């Protein structure tokens, strides 16, 4: 039944999670076939080779799943890093603009306090 489902689905329209799910299903099917070889009808030497093969497929399955998780984690880390870098730039620009406004207000206060206020000086500060 699993093989029929795997064969009937268009792989090119699937997301990565669905592809990983079908990959896991195929490897589980292979492992079940390996378990069938551990019956009394199979020679002991063949069982040993089948056991080694089963261990290989299990390690392969776990390593592929870990690799997918690591790649997703690194992509997420890069995304968060870019987001934080953008927020830092915006914060830096806002801080710089705020400092300019404070400086302008200080100059205006000095002119007002010295009563040396002319239209040209106000436009020069602004």
PDB file of N, CA and C in Angstrom:
ATOM      1  N   UNK A   1       0.819  -1.191   0.000  1.00  0.00           N
ATOM      2  CA  UNK A   1       0.000   0.000   0.000  1.00  0.00           C
ATOM      3  C   UNK A   1       0.866   1.259   0.000  1.00  0.00           C
ATOM      4  N   UNK A   2       1.922   1.235   0.803  1.00  0.00           N
ATOM      5  CA  UNK A   2       2.811   2.398   0.873  1.00  0.00           C
ATOM      6  C   UNK A   2       3.494   2.631  -0.462  1.00  0.00           C
ATOM      7  N   UNK A   3       3.903   1.565  -1.118  1.00  0.00           N
ATOM      8  CA  UNK A   3       4.563   1.698  -2.420  1.00  0.00           C
ATOM      9  C   UNK A   3       3.614   2.307  -3.438  1.00  0.00           C
ATOM     10  N   UNK A   4       2.352   1.929  -3.399  1.00  0.00           N
ATOM     11  CA  UNK A   4       1.378   2.521  -4.321  1.00  0.00           C
ATOM     12  C   UNK A   4       1.203   4.012  -4.057  1.00  0.00           C
ATOM     13  N   UNK A   5       1.160   4.391  -2.792  1.00  0.00           N
ATOM     14  CA  UNK A   5       1.042   5.816  -2.462  1.00  0.00           C
ATOM     15  C   UNK A   5       2.280   6.583  -2.915  1.00  0.00           C
ATOM     16  N   UNK A   6       3.437   6.000  -2.703  1.00  0.00           N
ATOM     17  CA  UNK A   6       4.674   6.678  -3.103  1.00  0.00           C
ATOM     18  C   UNK A   6       4.754   6.844  -4.614  1.00  0.00           C
ATOM     19  N   UNK A   7       4.306   5.865  -5.338  1.00  0.00           N
ATOM     20  CA  UNK A   7       4.393   5.933  -6.790  1.00  0.00           C
ATOM     21  C   UNK A   7       3.359   6.830  -7.424  1.00  0.00           C
ATOM     22  N   UNK A   8       2.245   7.046  -6.757  1.00  0.00           N
ATOM     23  CA  UNK A   8       1.159   7.813  -7.372  1.00  0.00           C
ATOM     24  C   UNK A   8       1.241   9.311  -7.114  1.00  0.00           C
ATOM     25  N   UNK A   9       2.185   9.756  -6.339  1.00  0.00           N
ATOM     26  CA  UNK A   9       2.258  11.172  -5.978  1.00  0.00           C
ATOM     27  C   UNK A   9       3.305  11.873  -6.837  1.00  0.00           C
ATOM     28  N   UNK A  10       2.949  13.070  -7.286  1.00  0.00           N
ATOM     29  CA  UNK A  10       3.866  13.881  -8.085  1.00  0.00           C
ATOM     30  C   UNK A  10       4.892  14.519  -7.156  1.00  0.00           C
ATOM     31  N   UNK A  11       6.123  14.050  -7.230  1.00  0.00           N
ATOM     32  CA  UNK A  11       7.163  14.468  -6.308  1.00  0.00           C
ATOM     33  C   UNK A  11       7.568  15.923  -6.534  1.00  0.00           C
ATOM     34  N   UNK A  12       7.421  16.445  -7.721  1.00  0.00           N
ATOM     35  CA  UNK A  12       7.888  17.798  -8.017  1.00  0.00           C
ATOM     36  C   UNK A  12       6.990  18.881  -7.418  1.00  0.00           C
ATOM     37  N   UNK A  13       5.790  18.508  -6.981  1.00  0.00           N
ATOM     38  CA  UNK A  13       4.878  19.493  -6.390  1.00  0.00           C
ATOM     39  C   UNK A  13       4.822  19.398  -4.874  1.00  0.00           C
ATOM     40  N   UNK A  14       5.692  18.653  -4.275  1.00  0.00           N
ATOM     41  CA  UNK A  14       5.669  18.449  -2.832  1.00  0.00           C
ATOM     42  C   UNK A  14       6.593  19.431  -2.123  1.00  0.00           C
ATOM     43  N   UNK A  15       6.262  19.702  -0.862  1.00  0.00           N
ATOM     44  CA  UNK A  15       7.158  20.509  -0.045  1.00  0.00           C
ATOM     45  C   UNK A  15       8.274  19.617   0.485  1.00  0.00           C
ATOM     46  N   UNK A  16       9.257  20.236   1.102  1.00  0.00           N
ATOM     47  CA  UNK A  16      10.388  19.461   1.626  1.00  0.00           C
ATOM     48  C   UNK A  16       9.959  18.536   2.749  1.00  0.00           C
ATOM     49  N   UNK A  17       9.009  18.980   3.565  1.00  0.00           N
ATOM     50  CA  UNK A  17       8.538  18.120   4.652  1.00  0.00           C
ATOM     51  C   UNK A  17       7.848  16.875   4.119  1.00  0.00           C
ATOM     52  N   UNK A  18       7.064  17.040   3.062  1.00  0.00           N
ATOM     53  CA  UNK A  18       6.384  15.885   2.478  1.00  0.00           C
ATOM     54  C   UNK A  18       7.379  14.939   1.823  1.00  0.00           C
ATOM     55  N   UNK A  19       8.387  15.505   1.170  1.00  0.00           N
ATOM     56  CA  UNK A  19       9.419  14.648   0.572  1.00  0.00           C
ATOM     57  C   UNK A  19      10.152  13.850   1.644  1.00  0.00           C
ATOM     58  N   UNK A  20      10.451  14.495   2.754  1.00  0.00           N
ATOM     59  CA  UNK A  20      11.115  13.803   3.852  1.00  0.00           C
ATOM     60  C   UNK A  20      10.206  12.719   4.435  1.00  0.00           C
ATOM     61  N   UNK A  21       8.922  12.996   4.515  1.00  0.00           N
ATOM     62  CA  UNK A  21       7.980  12.000   5.015  1.00  0.00           C
ATOM     63  C   UNK A  21       7.946  10.762   4.117  1.00  0.00           C
ATOM     64  N   UNK A  22       7.930  10.964   2.809  1.00  0.00           N
ATOM     65  CA  UNK A  22       7.924   9.819   1.889  1.00  0.00           C
ATOM     66  C   UNK A  22       9.256   9.076   1.906  1.00  0.00           C
ATOM     67  N   UNK A  23      10.339   9.817   2.081  1.00  0.00           N
ATOM     68  CA  UNK A  23      11.650   9.179   2.221  1.00  0.00           C
ATOM     69  C   UNK A  23      11.683   8.288   3.452  1.00  0.00           C
ATOM     70  N   UNK A  24      11.145   8.803   4.571  1.00  0.00           N
ATOM     71  CA  UNK A  24      11.098   8.007   5.799  1.00  0.00           C
ATOM     72  C   UNK A  24      10.212   6.774   5.628  1.00  0.00           C
ATOM     73  N   UNK A  25       9.094   6.935   4.938  1.00  0.00           N
ATOM     74  CA  UNK A  25       8.208   5.788   4.700  1.00  0.00           C
ATOM     75  C   UNK A  25       8.913   4.709   3.875  1.00  0.00           C
ATOM     76  N   UNK A  26       9.658   5.125   2.874  1.00  0.00           N
ATOM     77  CA  UNK A  26      10.371   4.148   2.034  1.00  0.00           C
ATOM     78  C   UNK A  26      11.435   3.408   2.846  1.00  0.00           C
ATOM     79  N   UNK A  27      12.168   4.140   3.698  1.00  0.00           N
ATOM     80  CA  UNK A  27      13.179   3.472   4.513  1.00  0.00           C
ATOM     81  C   UNK A  27      12.555   2.570   5.575  1.00  0.00           C
ATOM     82  N   UNK A  28      11.407   2.937   6.103  1.00  0.00           N
ATOM     83  CA  UNK A  28      10.711   2.056   7.045  1.00  0.00           C
ATOM     84  C   UNK A  28      10.284   0.775   6.343  1.00  0.00           C
ATOM     85  N   UNK A  29       9.831   0.900   5.118  1.00  0.00           N
ATOM     86  CA  UNK A  29       9.452  -0.290   4.345  1.00  0.00           C
ATOM     87  C   UNK A  29      10.660  -1.194   4.115  1.00  0.00           C
ATOM     88  N   UNK A  30      11.797  -0.608   3.811  1.00  0.00           N
ATOM     89  CA  UNK A  30      13.019  -1.398   3.634  1.00  0.00           C
ATOM     90  C   UNK A  30      13.401  -2.094   4.942  1.00  0.00           C
ATOM     91  N   UNK A  31      13.270  -1.402   6.059  1.00  0.00           N
ATOM     92  CA  UNK A  31      13.600  -2.007   7.361  1.00  0.00           C
ATOM     93  C   UNK A  31      12.646  -3.140   7.705  1.00  0.00           C
ATOM     94  N   UNK A  32      11.381  -3.007   7.348  1.00  0.00           N
ATOM     95  CA  UNK A  32      10.422  -4.100   7.594  1.00  0.00           C
ATOM     96  C   UNK A  32      10.798  -5.327   6.773  1.00  0.00           C
ATOM     97  N   UNK A  33      11.215  -5.125   5.534  1.00  0.00           N
ATOM     98  CA  UNK A  33      11.671  -6.265   4.720  1.00  0.00           C
ATOM     99  C   UNK A  33      12.914  -6.904   5.332  1.00  0.00           C
ATOM    100  N   UNK A  34      13.761  -6.103   5.927  1.00  0.00           N
ATOM    101  CA  UNK A  34      14.928  -6.666   6.615  1.00  0.00           C
ATOM    102  C   UNK A  34      14.496  -7.518   7.807  1.00  0.00           C
ATOM    103  N   UNK A  35      13.502  -7.048   8.557  1.00  0.00           N
ATOM    104  CA  UNK A  35      13.030  -7.820   9.710  1.00  0.00           C
ATOM    105  C   UNK A  35      12.438  -9.158   9.304  1.00  0.00           C
ATOM    106  N   UNK A  36      11.882  -9.232   8.112  1.00  0.00           N
ATOM    107  CA  UNK A  36      11.338 -10.513   7.632  1.00  0.00           C
ATOM    108  C   UNK A  36      12.444 -11.538   7.417  1.00  0.00           C
ATOM    109  N   UNK A  37      13.645 -11.061   7.204  1.00  0.00           N
ATOM    110  CA  UNK A  37      14.766 -11.970   6.977  1.00  0.00           C
ATOM    111  C   UNK A  37      15.329 -12.554   8.277  1.00  0.00           C
ATOM    112  N   UNK A  38      14.815 -12.159   9.430  1.00  0.00           N
ATOM    113  CA  UNK A  38      15.302 -12.685  10.694  1.00  0.00           C
ATOM    114  C   UNK A  38      14.494 -13.902  11.172  1.00  0.00           C
ATOM    115  N   UNK A  39      13.803 -14.551  10.270  1.00  0.00           N
ATOM    116  CA  UNK A  39      13.045 -15.752  10.636  1.00  0.00           C
ATOM    117  C   UNK A  39      13.973 -16.971  10.627  1.00  0.00           C
ATOM    118  N   UNK A  40      13.432 -18.105  11.050  1.00  0.00           N
ATOM    119  CA  UNK A  40      14.223 -19.334  11.105  1.00  0.00           C
ATOM    120  C   UNK A  40      14.507 -19.925   9.723  1.00  0.00           C
ATOM    121  N   UNK A  41      13.839 -19.445   8.709  1.00  0.00           N
ATOM    122  CA  UNK A  41      14.032 -19.990   7.361  1.00  0.00           C
ATOM    123  C   UNK A  41      15.305 -19.469   6.699  1.00  0.00           C
ATOM    124  N   UNK A  42      15.911 -18.479   7.286  1.00  0.00           N
ATOM    125  CA  UNK A  42      17.098 -17.857   6.702  1.00  0.00           C
ATOM    126  C   UNK A  42      18.321 -18.319   7.482  1.00  0.00           C
ATOM    127  N   UNK A  43      19.406 -18.554   6.751  1.00  0.00           N
ATOM    128  CA  UNK A  43      20.652 -19.011   7.350  1.00  0.00           C
ATOM    129  C   UNK A  43      21.224 -17.940   8.299  1.00  0.00           C
ATOM    130  N   UNK A  44      21.985 -18.373   9.293  1.00  0.00           N
ATOM    131  CA  UNK A  44      22.532 -17.474  10.303  1.00  0.00           C
ATOM    132  C   UNK A  44      23.507 -16.478   9.678  1.00  0.00           C
ATOM    133  N   UNK A  45      24.323 -16.926   8.724  1.00  0.00           N
ATOM    134  CA  UNK A  45      25.277 -16.023   8.073  1.00  0.00           C
ATOM    135  C   UNK A  45      24.541 -14.913   7.315  1.00  0.00           C
ATOM    136  N   UNK A  46      23.441 -15.261   6.649  1.00  0.00           N
ATOM    137  CA  UNK A  46      22.654 -14.263   5.921  1.00  0.00           C
ATOM    138  C   UNK A  46      22.005 -13.292   6.911  1.00  0.00           C
ATOM    139  N   UNK A  47      21.566 -13.812   8.053  1.00  0.00           N
ATOM    140  CA  UNK A  47      20.971 -12.948   9.080  1.00  0.00           C
ATOM    141  C   UNK A  47      21.983 -11.902   9.571  1.00  0.00           C
ATOM    142  N   UNK A  48      23.238 -12.321   9.670  1.00  0.00           N
ATOM    143  CA  UNK A  48      24.271 -11.381  10.114  1.00  0.00           C
ATOM    144  C   UNK A  48      24.443 -10.250   9.106  1.00  0.00           C
ATOM    145  N   UNK A  49      24.493 -10.590   7.834  1.00  0.00           N
ATOM    146  CA  UNK A  49      24.625  -9.554   6.802  1.00  0.00           C
ATOM    147  C   UNK A  49      23.378  -8.667   6.733  1.00  0.00           C
ATOM    148  N   UNK A  50      22.222  -9.274   6.906  1.00  0.00           N
ATOM    149  CA  UNK A  50      20.985  -8.501   6.903  1.00  0.00           C
ATOM    150  C   UNK A  50      20.963  -7.552   8.108  1.00  0.00           C
ATOM    151  N   UNK A  51      21.469  -8.005   9.256  1.00  0.00           N
ATOM    152  CA  UNK A  51      21.535  -7.154  10.440  1.00  0.00           C
ATOM    153  C   UNK A  51      22.447  -5.964  10.232  1.00  0.00           C
ATOM    154  N   UNK A  52      23.596  -6.205   9.592  1.00  0.00           N
ATOM    155  CA  UNK A  52      24.515  -5.102   9.285  1.00  0.00           C
ATOM    156  C   UNK A  52      23.855  -4.116   8.327  1.00  0.00           C
ATOM    157  N   UNK A  53      23.156  -4.653   7.346  1.00  0.00           N
ATOM    158  CA  UNK A  53      22.449  -3.798   6.392  1.00  0.00           C
ATOM    159  C   UNK A  53      21.341  -2.995   7.087  1.00  0.00           C
ATOM    160  N   UNK A  54      20.647  -3.634   8.014  1.00  0.00           N
ATOM    161  CA  UNK A  54      19.589  -2.946   8.757  1.00  0.00           C
ATOM    162  C   UNK A  54      20.167  -1.801   9.593  1.00  0.00           C
ATOM    163  N   UNK A  55      21.291  -2.037  10.227  1.00  0.00           N
ATOM    164  CA  UNK A  55      21.946  -0.984  11.005  1.00  0.00           C
ATOM    165  C   UNK A  55      22.359   0.163  10.083  1.00  0.00           C
ATOM    166  N   UNK A  56      22.893  -0.165   8.906  1.00  0.00           N
ATOM    167  CA  UNK A  56      23.290   0.864   7.956  1.00  0.00           C
ATOM    168  C   UNK A  56      22.091   1.720   7.547  1.00  0.00           C
ATOM    169  N   UNK A  57      20.968   1.086   7.190  1.00  0.00           N
ATOM    170  CA  UNK A  57      19.792   1.851   6.771  1.00  0.00           C
ATOM    171  C   UNK A  57      19.233   2.691   7.916  1.00  0.00           C
ATOM    172  N   UNK A  58      19.292   2.189   9.130  1.00  0.00           N
ATOM    173  CA  UNK A  58      18.814   2.962  10.284  1.00  0.00           C
ATOM    174  C   UNK A  58      19.690   4.191  10.515  1.00  0.00           C
ATOM    175  N   UNK A  59      20.995   4.002  10.462  1.00  0.00           N
ATOM    176  CA  UNK A  59      21.915   5.137  10.632  1.00  0.00           C
ATOM    177  C   UNK A  59      21.750   6.138   9.484  1.00  0.00           C
ATOM    178  N   UNK A  60      21.554   5.648   8.279  1.00  0.00           N
ATOM    179  CA  UNK A  60      21.341   6.511   7.121  1.00  0.00           C
ATOM    180  C   UNK A  60      20.079   7.351   7.306  1.00  0.00           C
ATOM    181  N   UNK A  61      19.001   6.730   7.775  1.00  0.00           N
ATOM    182  CA  UNK A  61      17.741   7.434   7.980  1.00  0.00           C
ATOM    183  C   UNK A  61      17.886   8.524   9.047  1.00  0.00           C
ATOM    184  N   UNK A  62      18.510   8.183  10.162  1.00  0.00           N
ATOM    185  CA  UNK A  62      18.694   9.160  11.236  1.00  0.00           C
ATOM    186  C   UNK A  62      19.596  10.300  10.778  1.00  0.00           C
ATOM    187  N   UNK A  63      20.666   9.983  10.052  1.00  0.00           N
ATOM    188  CA  UNK A  63      21.589  11.039   9.622  1.00  0.00           C
ATOM    189  C   UNK A  63      20.937  11.980   8.611  1.00  0.00           C
ATOM    190  N   UNK A  64      20.117  11.479   7.707  1.00  0.00           N
ATOM    191  CA  UNK A  64      19.426  12.340   6.744  1.00  0.00           C
ATOM    192  C   UNK A  64      18.450  13.259   7.475  1.00  0.00           C
ATOM    193  N   UNK A  65      17.709  12.696   8.434  1.00  0.00           N
ATOM    194  CA  UNK A  65      16.766  13.531   9.191  1.00  0.00           C
ATOM    195  C   UNK A  65      17.490  14.588  10.012  1.00  0.00           C
ATOM    196  N   UNK A  66      18.611  14.248  10.611  1.00  0.00           N
ATOM    197  CA  UNK A  66      19.393  15.235  11.356  1.00  0.00           C
ATOM    198  C   UNK A  66      19.952  16.309  10.433  1.00  0.00           C
ATOM    199  N   UNK A  67      20.394  15.909   9.258  1.00  0.00           N
ATOM    200  CA  UNK A  67      20.912  16.869   8.292  1.00  0.00           C
ATOM    201  C   UNK A  67      19.831  17.866   7.884  1.00  0.00           C
ATOM    202  N   UNK A  68      18.635  17.373   7.645  1.00  0.00           N
ATOM    203  CA  UNK A  68      17.522  18.266   7.281  1.00  0.00           C
ATOM    204  C   UNK A  68      17.233  19.234   8.423  1.00  0.00           C
ATOM    205  N   UNK A  69      17.239  18.741   9.655  1.00  0.00           N
ATOM    206  CA  UNK A  69      17.002  19.609  10.805  1.00  0.00           C
ATOM    207  C   UNK A  69      18.100  20.655  10.970  1.00  0.00           C
ATOM    208  N   UNK A  70      19.353  20.253  10.767  1.00  0.00           N
ATOM    209  CA  UNK A  70      20.463  21.203  10.883  1.00  0.00           C
ATOM    210  C   UNK A  70      20.389  22.292   9.817  1.00  0.00           C
ATOM    211  N   UNK A  71      20.054  21.908   8.603  1.00  0.00           N
ATOM    212  CA  UNK A  71      19.932  22.890   7.522  1.00  0.00           C
ATOM    213  C   UNK A  71      18.816  23.877   7.837  1.00  0.00           C
ATOM    214  N   UNK A  72      17.673  23.374   8.315  1.00  0.00           N
ATOM    215  CA  UNK A  72      16.562  24.262   8.665  1.00  0.00           C
ATOM    216  C   UNK A  72      16.956  25.195   9.812  1.00  0.00           C
ATOM    217  N   UNK A  73      17.701  24.680  10.774  1.00  0.00           N
ATOM    218  CA  UNK A  73      18.139  25.507  11.894  1.00  0.00           C
ATOM    219  C   UNK A  73      19.094  26.597  11.439  1.00  0.00           C
ATOM    220  N   UNK A  74      20.048  26.268  10.583  1.00  0.00           N
ATOM    221  CA  UNK A  74      20.995  27.273  10.091  1.00  0.00           C
ATOM    222  C   UNK A  74      20.293  28.332   9.246  1.00  0.00           C
ATOM    223  N   UNK A  75      19.309  27.919   8.448  1.00  0.00           N
ATOM    224  CA  UNK A  75      18.551  28.902   7.671  1.00  0.00           C
ATOM    225  C   UNK A  75      17.808  29.850   8.596  1.00  0.00           C
ATOM    226  N   UNK A  76      17.238  29.311   9.650  1.00  0.00           N
ATOM    227  CA  UNK A  76      16.518  30.143  10.611  1.00  0.00           C
ATOM    228  C   UNK A  76      17.473  31.100  11.330  1.00  0.00           C
ATOM    229  N   UNK A  77      18.648  30.612  11.682  1.00  0.00           N
ATOM    230  CA  UNK A  77      19.648  31.469  12.343  1.00  0.00           C
ATOM    231  C   UNK A  77      20.063  32.604  11.418  1.00  0.00           C
ATOM    232  N   UNK A  78      20.291  32.314  10.148  1.00  0.00           N
ATOM    233  CA  UNK A  78      20.668  33.361   9.197  1.00  0.00           C
ATOM    234  C   UNK A  78      19.551  34.380   9.030  1.00  0.00           C
ATOM    235  N   UNK A  79      18.307  33.905   9.006  1.00  0.00           N
ATOM    236  CA  UNK A  79      17.172  34.814   8.876  1.00  0.00           C
ATOM    237  C   UNK A  79      17.081  35.741  10.082  1.00  0.00           C
ATOM    238  N   UNK A  80      17.219  35.192  11.282  1.00  0.00           N
ATOM    239  CA  UNK A  80      17.154  36.004  12.500  1.00  0.00           C
ATOM    240  C   UNK A  80      18.321  36.990  12.541  1.00  0.00           C
ATOM    241  N   UNK A  81      19.502  36.569  12.089  1.00  0.00           N
ATOM    242  CA  UNK A  81      20.658  37.458  12.058  1.00  0.00           C
ATOM    243  C   UNK A  81      20.405  38.640  11.119  1.00  0.00           C
ATOM    244  N   UNK A  82      19.861  38.380   9.938  1.00  0.00           N
ATOM    245  CA  UNK A  82      19.563  39.469   9.003  1.00  0.00           C
ATOM    246  C   UNK A  82      18.511  40.403   9.577  1.00  0.00           C
ATOM    247  N   UNK A  83      17.525  39.834  10.241  1.00  0.00           N
ATOM    248  CA  UNK A  83      16.469  40.633  10.846  1.00  0.00           C
ATOM    249  C   UNK A  83      17.033  41.542  11.946  1.00  0.00           C
ATOM    250  N   UNK A  84      17.890  40.995  12.789  1.00  0.00           N
ATOM    251  CA  UNK A  84      18.499  41.798  13.849  1.00  0.00           C
ATOM    252  C   UNK A  84      19.426  42.869  13.290  1.00  0.00           C
ATOM    253  N   UNK A  85      20.157  42.528  12.240  1.00  0.00           N
ATOM    254  CA  UNK A  85      21.038  43.515  11.609  1.00  0.00           C
ATOM    255  C   UNK A  85      20.225  44.677  11.035  1.00  0.00           C
ATOM    256  N   UNK A  86      19.083  44.367  10.432  1.00  0.00           N
ATOM    257  CA  UNK A  86      18.215  45.416   9.891  1.00  0.00           C
ATOM    258  C   UNK A  86      17.663  46.288  11.019  1.00  0.00           C
ATOM    259  N   UNK A  87      17.217  45.657  12.105  1.00  0.00           N
ATOM    260  CA  UNK A  87      16.692  46.424  13.241  1.00  0.00           C
ATOM    261  C   UNK A  87      17.772  47.325  13.839  1.00  0.00           C
ATOM    262  N   UNK A  88      19.007  46.824  13.887  1.00  0.00           N
ATOM    263  CA  UNK A  88      20.109  47.641  14.413  1.00  0.00           C
ATOM    264  C   UNK A  88      20.353  48.855  13.528  1.00  0.00           C
ATOM    265  N   UNK A  89      20.319  48.673  12.209  1.00  0.00           N
ATOM    266  CA  UNK A  89      20.522  49.804  11.299  1.00  0.00           C
ATOM    267  C   UNK A  89      19.429  50.847  11.477  1.00  0.00           C
ATOM    268  N   UNK A  90      18.183  50.382  11.586  1.00  0.00           N
ATOM    269  CA  UNK A  90      17.066  51.318  11.776  1.00  0.00           C
ATOM    270  C   UNK A  90      17.230  52.063  13.090  1.00  0.00           C
ATOM    271  N   UNK A  91      17.614  51.369  14.146  1.00  0.00           N
ATOM    272  CA  UNK A  91      17.812  51.992  15.450  1.00  0.00           C
ATOM    273  C   UNK A  91      18.937  53.031  15.395  1.00  0.00           C
ATOM    274  N   UNK A  92      19.999  52.706  14.676  1.00  0.00           N
ATOM    275  CA  UNK A  92      21.144  53.607  14.546  1.00  0.00           C
ATOM    276  C   UNK A  92      20.738  54.884  13.804  1.00  0.00           C
ATOM    277  N   UNK A  93      19.948  54.742  12.743  1.00  0.00           N
ATOM    278  CA  UNK A  93      19.488  55.903  11.978  1.00  0.00           C
ATOM    279  C   UNK A  93      18.568  56.773  12.834  1.00  0.00           C
ATOM    280  N   UNK A  94      17.666  56.134  13.578  1.00  0.00           N
ATOM    281  CA  UNK A  94      16.766  56.897  14.454  1.00  0.00           C
ATOM    282  C   UNK A  94      17.545  57.648  15.523  1.00  0.00           C
ATOM    283  N   UNK A  95      18.547  56.982  16.083  1.00  0.00           N
ATOM    284  CA  UNK A  95      19.363  57.629  17.116  1.00  0.00           C
ATOM    285  C   UNK A  95      20.115  58.827  16.544  1.00  0.00           C
ATOM    286  N   UNK A  96      20.622  58.667  15.331  1.00  0.00           N
ATOM    287  CA  UNK A  96      21.359  59.751  14.676  1.00  0.00           C
ATOM    288  C   UNK A  96      20.432  60.927  14.384  1.00  0.00           C
ATOM    289  N   UNK A  97      19.226  60.631  13.890  1.00  0.00           N
ATOM    290  CA  UNK A  97      18.262  61.706  13.609  1.00  0.00           C
ATOM    291  C   UNK A  97      17.816  62.395  14.891  1.00  0.00           C
ATOM    292  N   UNK A  98      17.658  61.639  15.945  1.00  0.00           N
ATOM    293  CA  UNK A  98      17.265  62.227  17.229  1.00  0.00           C
ATOM    294  C   UNK A  98      18.357  63.155  17.757  1.00  0.00           C
ATOM    295  N   UNK A  99      19.602  62.736  17.595  1.00  0.00           N
ATOM    296  CA  UNK A  99      20.721  63.577  18.035  1.00  0.00           C
ATOM    297  C   UNK A  99      20.756  64.879  17.233  1.00  0.00           C
ATOM    298  N   UNK A 100      20.471  64.821  15.939  1.00  0.00           N
ATOM    299  CA  UNK A 100      20.443  66.037  15.121  1.00  0.00           C
ATOM    300  C   UNK A 100      19.342  66.978  15.599  1.00  0.00           C
ATOM    301  N   UNK A 101      18.167  66.432  15.910  1.00  0.00           N
ATOM    302  CA  UNK A 101      17.060  67.268  16.364  1.00  0.00           C
ATOM    303  C   UNK A 101      17.384  67.921  17.704  1.00  0.00           C
ATOM    304  N   UNK A 102      18.018  67.176  18.587  1.00  0.00           N
ATOM    305  CA  UNK A 102      18.402  67.737  19.882  1.00  0.00           C
ATOM    306  C   UNK A 102      19.397  68.881  19.684  1.00  0.00           C
ATOM    307  N   UNK A 103      20.347  68.685  18.784  1.00  0.00           N
ATOM    308  CA  UNK A 103      21.331  69.737  18.492  1.00  0.00           C
ATOM    309  C   UNK A 103      20.650  70.977  17.924  1.00  0.00           C
ATOM    310  N   UNK A 104      19.686  70.793  17.032  1.00  0.00           N
ATOM    311  CA  UNK A 104      18.959  71.922  16.459  1.00  0.00           C
ATOM    312  C   UNK A 104      18.181  72.668  17.537  1.00  0.00           C
ATOM    313  N   UNK A 105      17.548  71.941  18.431  1.00  0.00           N
ATOM    314  CA  UNK A 105      16.784  72.569  19.501  1.00  0.00           C
ATOM    315  C   UNK A 105      17.694  73.360  20.440  1.00  0.00           C
ATOM    316  N   UNK A 106      18.883  72.829  20.703  1.00  0.00           N
ATOM    317  CA  UNK A 106      19.832  73.554  21.555  1.00  0.00           C
ATOM    318  C   UNK A 106      20.262  74.866  20.905  1.00  0.00           C
ATOM    319  N   UNK A 107      20.521  74.846  19.612  1.00  0.00           N
ATOM    320  CA  UNK A 107      20.905  76.070  18.903  1.00  0.00           C
ATOM    321  C   UNK A 107      19.767  77.090  18.924  1.00  0.00           C
ATOM    322  N   UNK A 108      18.535  76.621  18.730  1.00  0.00           N
ATOM    323  CA  UNK A 108      17.393  77.525  18.773  1.00  0.00           C
ATOM    324  C   UNK A 108      17.229  78.133  20.161  1.00  0.00           C
ATOM    325  N   UNK A 109      17.405  77.321  21.178  1.00  0.00           N
ATOM    326  CA  UNK A 109      17.305  77.838  22.546  1.00  0.00           C
ATOM    327  C   UNK A 109      18.372  78.892  22.828  1.00  0.00           C
ATOM    328  N   UNK A 110      19.582  78.675  22.319  1.00  0.00           N
ATOM    329  CA  UNK A 110      20.653  79.662  22.495  1.00  0.00           C
ATOM    330  C   UNK A 110      20.303  80.977  21.812  1.00  0.00           C
ATOM    331  N   UNK A 111      19.765  80.880  20.582  1.00  0.00           N
ATOM    332  CA  UNK A 111      19.402  82.102  19.858  1.00  0.00           C
ATOM    333  C   UNK A 111      18.259  82.846  20.551  1.00  0.00           C
ATOM    334  N   UNK A 112      17.292  82.060  21.040  1.00  0.00           N
ATOM    335  CA  UNK A 112      16.163  82.700  21.721  1.00  0.00           C
ATOM    336  C   UNK A 112      16.628  83.360  23.012  1.00  0.00           C
ATOM    337  N   UNK A 113      17.498  82.683  23.745  1.00  0.00           N
ATOM    338  CA  UNK A 113      17.965  83.249  25.015  1.00  0.00           C
ATOM    339  C   UNK A 113      18.847  84.476  24.793  1.00  0.00           C
ATOM    340  N   UNK A 114      19.590  84.501  23.695  1.00  0.00           N
ATOM    341  CA  UNK A 114      20.439  85.669  23.420  1.00  0.00           C
ATOM    342  C   UNK A 114      19.675  86.755  22.677  1.00  0.00           C
ATOM    343  N   UNK A 115      18.449  86.490  22.301  1.00  0.00           N
ATOM    344  CA  UNK A 115      17.557  87.420  21.580  1.00  0.00           C
ATOM    345  C   UNK A 115      18.172  87.870  20.262  1.00  0.00           C
ATOM    346  N   UNK A 116      18.915  86.965  19.674  1.00  0.00           N
ATOM    347  CA  UNK A 116      19.568  87.217  18.403  1.00  0.00           C
ATOM    348  C   UNK A 116      18.849  86.440  17.301  1.00  0.00           C
ATOM    349  N   UNK A 117      17.552  86.332  17.383  1.00  0.00           N
ATOM    350  CA  UNK A 117      16.768  85.472  16.514  1.00  0.00           C
ATOM    351  C   UNK A 117      16.359  86.224  15.252  1.00  0.00           C
ATOM    352  N   UNK A 118      16.836  85.706  14.111  1.00  0.00           N
ATOM    353  CA  UNK A 118      16.409  86.251  12.829  1.00  0.00           C
ATOM    354  C   UNK A 118      15.894  85.112  11.974  1.00  0.00           C
ATOM    355  N   UNK A 119      15.151  85.465  10.959  1.00  0.00           N
ATOM    356  CA  UNK A 119      14.559  84.449  10.092  1.00  0.00           C
ATOM    357  C   UNK A 119      15.631  83.654   9.374  1.00  0.00           C
ATOM    358  N   UNK A 120      16.701  84.295   8.959  1.00  0.00           N
ATOM    359  CA  UNK A 120      17.784  83.613   8.244  1.00  0.00           C
ATOM    360  C   UNK A 120      18.482  82.596   9.143  1.00  0.00           C
ATOM    361  N   UNK A 121      18.665  82.945  10.403  1.00  0.00           N
ATOM    362  CA  UNK A 121      19.345  82.027  11.320  1.00  0.00           C
ATOM    363  C   UNK A 121      18.482  80.802  11.614  1.00  0.00           C
ATOM    364  N   UNK A 122      17.178  81.002  11.710  1.00  0.00           N
ATOM    365  CA  UNK A 122      16.274  79.869  11.949  1.00  0.00           C
ATOM    366  C   UNK A 122      16.309  78.908  10.770  1.00  0.00           C
ATOM    367  N   UNK A 123      16.262  79.452   9.548  1.00  0.00           N
ATOM    368  CA  UNK A 123      16.316  78.601   8.359  1.00  0.00           C
ATOM    369  C   UNK A 123      17.660  77.901   8.239  1.00  0.00           C
ATOM    370  N   UNK A 124      18.710  78.579   8.663  1.00  0.00           N
ATOM    371  CA  UNK A 124      20.042  77.953   8.620  1.00  0.00           C
ATOM    372  C   UNK A 124      20.122  76.767   9.563  1.00  0.00           C
ATOM    373  N   UNK A 125      19.529  76.879  10.715  1.00  0.00           N
ATOM    374  CA  UNK A 125      19.561  75.772  11.686  1.00  0.00           C
ATOM    375  C   UNK A 125      18.688  74.621  11.210  1.00  0.00           C
ATOM    376  N   UNK A 126      17.540  74.922  10.668  1.00  0.00           N
ATOM    377  CA  UNK A 126      16.633  73.884  10.219  1.00  0.00           C
ATOM    378  C   UNK A 126      17.126  73.299   8.927  1.00  0.00           C
TER     379      UNK A 126
END
